[in-house]
Amino acid sequence: MDKQFYSPAEVLENNINGGIAKSKLGIAKMIMLGIFAGAFIAFGGAASSVAAHGITNVGLARFVTGMVFPVGLMMVVLTGSELFTGNNLMIMAFLDRKISAKKMLCNLITVYISNLVGAVLISVLVFYSGQFDYSQGGLGAYTIKVAIAKSTIPPQTAVISGILCNILVCLAILMAGAAKDVCGKLLAIFFPISAFVICGFEHCVANMFYLPAGMLAAVNPDYVSKAEELYGITAEQCSRLCSGMPVRSLIFVTAGNIIGGMLCIGTVYYYAHRKR
């Protein structure tokens, strides 16, 4: 009887072949699939914010968020979209000398920018959809709170949190690659992604939604007033969201994601399971 899953060595080989295919994508297709992935992760972020914004207990709020957010990566994997954090696993194909550093970097940079476009687009559409008016502006206030929290993370914390996050994201992708059926892939994605969200680790593409969404909410005086009422956030704190703080935070989280995905998982997994 055929195995119901691929072995680690087979997963490695499939990922190497996947990295080769990614390196050969045309630029237009790469951009489109990158925009899709950014949008899908943003949908997961938007849905999880709606689900958790009225919960005051931190542990329970994170648990609820962790139950909803994984839908983003599920959509990415099952639609064949291009996600920057997952594409860090292209390092396997590079280490196997199947793709050049230039092709890998071209894909990662293009996909990163495309993910940003997709995530920002959804944040703008969500803002103008009126969704932030939920709970008398409570969702808008919550969105501001999340953005401020993410933009004020100390650099070393952002890097380490980013490392831990992409260890779990890349493990989710490898585990999904081990499954041969859709149900197996969905379960393999759900638990690691749920774990990173519940733990509060930082994902650069998710932050491409949360930060712009918070910045948009912070220009609405009703949401700012509600944020002060619910969370004690001042108008001055809201105005800082439009400074360079969110960009600096995103850079440090991205660096952590690269270390976690390329070094901690991609490189280690390659040398652990490559055929001698």
Protein backbone atom coordinates (compact mmCIF):
# COMPACT_ATOMS: atom_id res chain seq x y z
CA MET A 1 0.00 0.00 0.00
CA ASP A 2 1.29 3.49 -0.89
CA LYS A 3 2.42 5.74 1.92
CA GLN A 4 0.00 8.51 2.84
CA PHE A 5 2.85 11.02 3.24
CA TYR A 6 6.29 11.84 1.87
CA SER A 7 9.43 11.07 3.88
CA PRO A 8 11.66 13.97 5.04
CA ALA A 9 14.14 13.16 2.26
CA GLU A 10 11.33 13.24 -0.30
CA VAL A 11 10.03 16.52 1.14
CA LEU A 12 13.52 17.96 0.73
CA GLU A 13 13.71 16.81 -2.90
CA ASN A 14 10.25 18.22 -3.64
CA ASN A 15 11.19 21.55 -2.07
CA ILE A 16 14.40 21.72 -4.10
CA ASN A 17 12.35 21.14 -7.26
CA GLY A 18 9.87 23.74 -6.06
CA GLY A 19 12.71 26.22 -5.58
CA ILE A 20 13.88 25.58 -9.13
CA ALA A 21 10.34 26.20 -10.43
CA LYS A 22 10.06 29.42 -8.42
CA SER A 23 13.35 30.69 -9.83
CA LYS A 24 12.02 30.19 -13.37
CA LEU A 25 8.78 32.10 -12.88
CA GLY A 26 8.25 35.03 -15.23
CA ILE A 27 8.35 38.40 -13.50
CA ALA A 28 4.68 39.17 -14.23
CA LYS A 29 3.50 35.85 -12.79
CA MET A 30 5.82 36.26 -9.81
CA ILE A 31 4.31 39.67 -9.06
CA MET A 32 0.71 38.48 -9.44
CA LEU A 33 1.24 35.44 -7.22
CA GLY A 34 3.07 37.61 -4.69
CA ILE A 35 0.20 40.09 -4.55
CA PHE A 36 -2.23 37.21 -4.02
CA ALA A 37 -0.15 35.85 -1.13
CA GLY A 38 0.07 39.25 0.57
CA ALA A 39 -3.68 39.66 0.21
CA PHE A 40 -4.42 36.18 1.58
CA ILE A 41 -2.27 36.73 4.69
CA ALA A 42 -3.98 40.11 5.12
CA PHE A 43 -7.40 38.43 4.97
CA GLY A 44 -6.27 36.11 7.78
CA GLY A 45 -5.13 39.11 9.79
CA ALA A 46 -8.34 41.06 9.19
CA ALA A 47 -10.56 38.12 10.11
CA SER A 48 -8.60 37.33 13.27
CA SER A 49 -8.79 40.98 14.39
CA VAL A 50 -12.56 40.94 14.05
CA ALA A 51 -12.76 37.72 16.03
CA ALA A 52 -10.52 38.88 18.89
CA HIS A 53 -11.00 42.65 19.20
CA GLY A 54 -13.68 42.47 21.90
CA ILE A 55 -11.83 39.98 24.13
CA THR A 56 -10.04 41.55 27.11
CA ASN A 57 -8.21 38.43 28.32
CA VAL A 58 -4.88 38.35 26.46
CA GLY A 59 -4.51 34.58 26.44
CA LEU A 60 -8.03 34.01 25.19
CA ALA A 61 -7.69 36.74 22.55
CA ARG A 62 -4.50 35.17 21.22
CA PHE A 63 -6.09 31.74 21.22
CA VAL A 64 -9.02 33.00 19.15
CA THR A 65 -6.65 34.79 16.79
CA GLY A 66 -4.63 31.59 16.46
CA MET A 67 -7.75 29.66 15.47
CA VAL A 68 -8.55 32.07 12.61
CA PHE A 69 -5.26 33.42 11.24
CA PRO A 70 -3.98 30.12 9.69
CA VAL A 71 -6.57 30.44 6.90
CA GLY A 72 -4.18 32.91 5.24
CA LEU A 73 -1.37 30.40 4.73
CA MET A 74 -3.87 27.71 3.79
CA MET A 75 -5.00 29.90 0.88
CA VAL A 76 -1.40 30.65 -0.07
CA VAL A 77 -0.34 26.99 -0.19
CA LEU A 78 -3.41 25.58 -1.91
CA THR A 79 -3.48 28.29 -4.59
CA GLY A 80 0.24 28.13 -5.33
CA SER A 81 0.88 31.76 -4.39
CA GLU A 82 4.30 33.25 -3.66
CA LEU A 83 4.95 34.16 -0.01
CA PHE A 84 8.26 35.73 1.01
CA THR A 85 8.62 33.90 4.31
CA GLY A 86 7.94 30.50 2.75
CA ASN A 87 10.19 31.25 -0.22
CA ASN A 88 13.12 31.50 2.21
CA LEU A 89 13.19 27.71 1.74
CA MET A 90 14.62 28.32 -1.74
CA ILE A 91 17.92 28.23 0.10
CA MET A 92 17.67 24.44 -0.23
CA ALA A 93 17.82 24.61 -4.02
CA PHE A 94 20.72 27.09 -3.76
CA LEU A 95 22.67 24.83 -1.40
CA ASP A 96 22.05 21.95 -3.82
CA ARG A 97 23.53 24.12 -6.58
CA LYS A 98 20.33 23.96 -8.61
CA ILE A 99 19.71 27.73 -8.64
CA SER A 100 22.00 30.74 -8.44
CA ALA A 101 22.08 33.31 -5.64
CA LYS A 102 20.99 35.92 -8.17
CA LYS A 103 17.83 34.00 -9.13
CA MET A 104 16.97 33.32 -5.49
CA LEU A 105 17.42 36.97 -4.48
CA CYS A 106 15.47 38.17 -7.51
CA ASN A 107 12.53 36.00 -6.47
CA LEU A 108 12.71 37.00 -2.80
CA ILE A 109 12.92 40.74 -3.48
CA THR A 110 10.16 40.69 -6.10
CA VAL A 111 7.89 38.56 -3.93
CA TYR A 112 8.55 40.71 -0.85
CA ILE A 113 7.50 43.89 -2.65
CA SER A 114 4.51 42.11 -4.21
CA ASN A 115 3.41 40.77 -0.81
CA LEU A 116 3.58 44.35 0.49
CA VAL A 117 1.38 45.59 -2.36
CA GLY A 118 -1.21 42.86 -1.74
CA ALA A 119 -1.30 43.37 2.03
CA VAL A 120 -1.53 47.16 1.81
CA LEU A 121 -4.28 46.90 -0.81
CA ILE A 122 -6.40 44.78 1.55
CA SER A 123 -5.73 47.12 4.47
CA VAL A 124 -7.00 50.06 2.39
CA LEU A 125 -10.06 48.14 1.20
CA VAL A 126 -10.86 46.94 4.72
CA PHE A 127 -10.56 50.51 6.03
CA TYR A 128 -12.96 51.89 3.42
CA SER A 129 -15.32 48.94 3.83
CA GLY A 130 -16.36 50.40 7.18
CA GLN A 131 -15.27 47.29 9.06
CA PHE A 132 -13.37 49.33 11.65
CA ASP A 133 -16.72 50.77 12.79
CA TYR A 134 -17.57 47.44 14.45
CA SER A 135 -18.27 47.76 18.20
CA GLN A 136 -18.79 51.53 17.88
CA GLY A 137 -15.29 51.97 16.51
CA GLY A 138 -13.80 49.39 18.84
CA LEU A 139 -12.25 47.44 15.97
CA GLY A 140 -10.61 50.62 14.68
CA ALA A 141 -9.22 51.29 18.16
CA TYR A 142 -7.98 47.70 18.43
CA THR A 143 -6.28 48.02 15.03
CA ILE A 144 -4.46 51.11 16.27
CA LYS A 145 -3.39 49.30 19.44
CA VAL A 146 -1.99 46.35 17.48
CA ALA A 147 -0.08 48.62 15.09
CA ILE A 148 1.44 50.66 17.93
CA ALA A 149 2.50 47.48 19.76
CA LYS A 150 4.16 46.10 16.62
CA SER A 151 5.87 49.37 15.66
CA THR A 152 7.41 49.90 19.12
CA ILE A 153 9.03 46.47 19.55
CA PRO A 154 12.74 46.83 20.46
CA PRO A 155 15.01 45.81 17.54
CA GLN A 156 16.51 42.76 19.24
CA THR A 157 13.05 41.56 20.27
CA ALA A 158 11.73 42.04 16.74
CA VAL A 159 14.60 40.01 15.27
CA ILE A 160 14.27 37.13 17.74
CA SER A 161 10.48 37.10 17.44
CA GLY A 162 10.86 37.05 13.65
CA ILE A 163 13.25 34.09 13.87
CA LEU A 164 10.84 32.08 16.01
CA CYS A 165 7.92 32.97 13.74
CA ASN A 166 9.50 31.81 10.51
CA ILE A 167 10.80 28.62 12.09
CA LEU A 168 7.15 27.70 12.62
CA VAL A 169 5.96 29.05 9.24
CA CYS A 170 8.60 27.09 7.31
CA LEU A 171 7.88 24.00 9.37
CA ALA A 172 4.20 24.40 8.43
CA ILE A 173 5.16 24.53 4.75
CA LEU A 174 7.46 21.50 5.02
CA MET A 175 4.80 19.54 6.91
CA ALA A 176 2.18 20.51 4.33
CA GLY A 177 4.59 19.27 1.67
CA ALA A 178 4.76 15.93 3.45
CA ALA A 179 1.00 15.43 3.12
CA LYS A 180 -0.47 13.98 -0.07
CA ASP A 181 -4.07 15.10 0.43
CA VAL A 182 -5.76 18.44 1.05
CA CYS A 183 -6.99 17.59 4.55
CA GLY A 184 -3.49 16.57 5.58
CA LYS A 185 -2.05 19.79 4.20
CA LEU A 186 -4.62 21.91 6.04
CA LEU A 187 -3.94 20.19 9.37
CA ALA A 188 -0.18 20.45 8.86
CA ILE A 189 -0.51 24.20 8.27
CA PHE A 190 -2.99 24.89 11.06
CA PHE A 191 -1.08 23.82 14.16
CA PRO A 192 2.34 25.51 13.59
CA ILE A 193 0.70 28.75 12.39
CA SER A 194 -1.72 28.70 15.30
CA ALA A 195 1.27 28.23 17.63
CA PHE A 196 3.18 31.24 16.26
CA VAL A 197 0.12 33.49 16.48
CA ILE A 198 -0.76 32.40 20.03
CA CYS A 199 2.87 32.96 21.07
CA GLY A 200 2.77 36.45 19.55
CA PHE A 201 5.74 36.00 17.22
CA GLU A 202 6.25 38.50 14.38
CA HIS A 203 5.61 37.77 10.69
CA CYS A 204 6.72 40.44 8.22
CA VAL A 205 3.94 39.87 5.68
CA ALA A 206 1.24 39.87 8.37
CA ASN A 207 2.72 43.14 9.64
CA MET A 208 2.43 44.53 6.11
CA PHE A 209 -1.30 44.43 6.83
CA TYR A 210 -1.42 45.28 10.54
CA LEU A 211 0.84 48.35 10.34
CA PRO A 212 -0.80 50.12 7.37
CA ALA A 213 -4.25 49.26 8.77
CA GLY A 214 -3.29 50.88 12.07
CA MET A 215 -1.88 53.90 10.29
CA LEU A 216 -5.13 54.34 8.37
CA ALA A 217 -7.23 53.93 11.52
CA ALA A 218 -5.04 56.50 13.30
CA VAL A 219 -6.12 59.28 10.91
CA ASN A 220 -9.76 58.81 11.92
CA PRO A 221 -10.51 60.93 15.03
CA ASP A 222 -13.34 58.61 16.08
CA TYR A 223 -11.01 55.61 16.22
CA VAL A 224 -8.33 57.66 17.98
CA SER A 225 -10.87 58.77 20.59
CA LYS A 226 -12.04 55.19 21.06
CA ALA A 227 -8.44 53.98 21.41
CA GLU A 228 -7.91 56.48 24.23
CA GLU A 229 -11.17 55.41 25.88
CA LEU A 230 -10.48 51.66 25.68
CA TYR A 231 -6.70 51.43 25.91
CA GLY A 232 -5.42 54.79 27.17
CA ILE A 233 -3.66 55.44 23.86
CA THR A 234 -3.01 59.14 23.33
CA ALA A 235 -3.39 61.14 20.12
CA GLU A 236 0.39 61.69 20.19
CA GLN A 237 0.99 57.94 20.16
CA CYS A 238 -1.36 57.61 17.20
CA SER A 239 0.46 60.35 15.31
CA ARG A 240 3.77 58.49 15.73
CA LEU A 241 2.35 55.68 13.59
CA CYS A 242 2.83 57.96 10.59
CA SER A 243 6.55 58.34 11.37
CA GLY A 244 9.26 55.92 10.31
CA MET A 245 8.71 53.61 13.30
CA PRO A 246 6.59 51.02 11.46
CA VAL A 247 9.18 50.77 8.66
CA ARG A 248 12.06 50.23 11.09
CA SER A 249 10.06 47.57 12.92
CA LEU A 250 9.27 45.80 9.64
CA ILE A 251 12.95 45.74 8.68
CA PHE A 252 14.01 44.04 11.92
CA VAL A 253 11.15 41.51 11.76
CA THR A 254 12.07 40.72 8.14
CA ALA A 255 15.69 40.12 9.16
CA GLY A 256 14.52 37.71 11.84
CA ASN A 257 12.21 35.91 9.40
CA ILE A 258 15.13 35.43 6.99
CA ILE A 259 17.35 33.98 9.71
CA GLY A 260 14.60 31.67 10.93
CA GLY A 261 13.58 30.48 7.48
CA MET A 262 16.89 30.28 5.65
CA LEU A 263 19.30 29.28 8.40
CA CYS A 264 17.36 27.63 11.20
CA ILE A 265 15.07 25.58 8.94
CA GLY A 266 16.18 25.66 5.30
CA THR A 267 19.90 25.10 5.82
CA VAL A 268 19.61 22.74 8.78
CA TYR A 269 16.87 20.66 7.11
CA TYR A 270 18.92 20.43 3.91
CA TYR A 271 22.05 19.09 5.62
CA ALA A 272 20.01 16.80 7.88
CA HIS A 273 18.15 15.07 5.06
CA ARG A 274 20.17 15.45 1.86
CA LYS A 275 21.27 12.23 0.22
CA ARG A 276 24.89 11.46 0.88
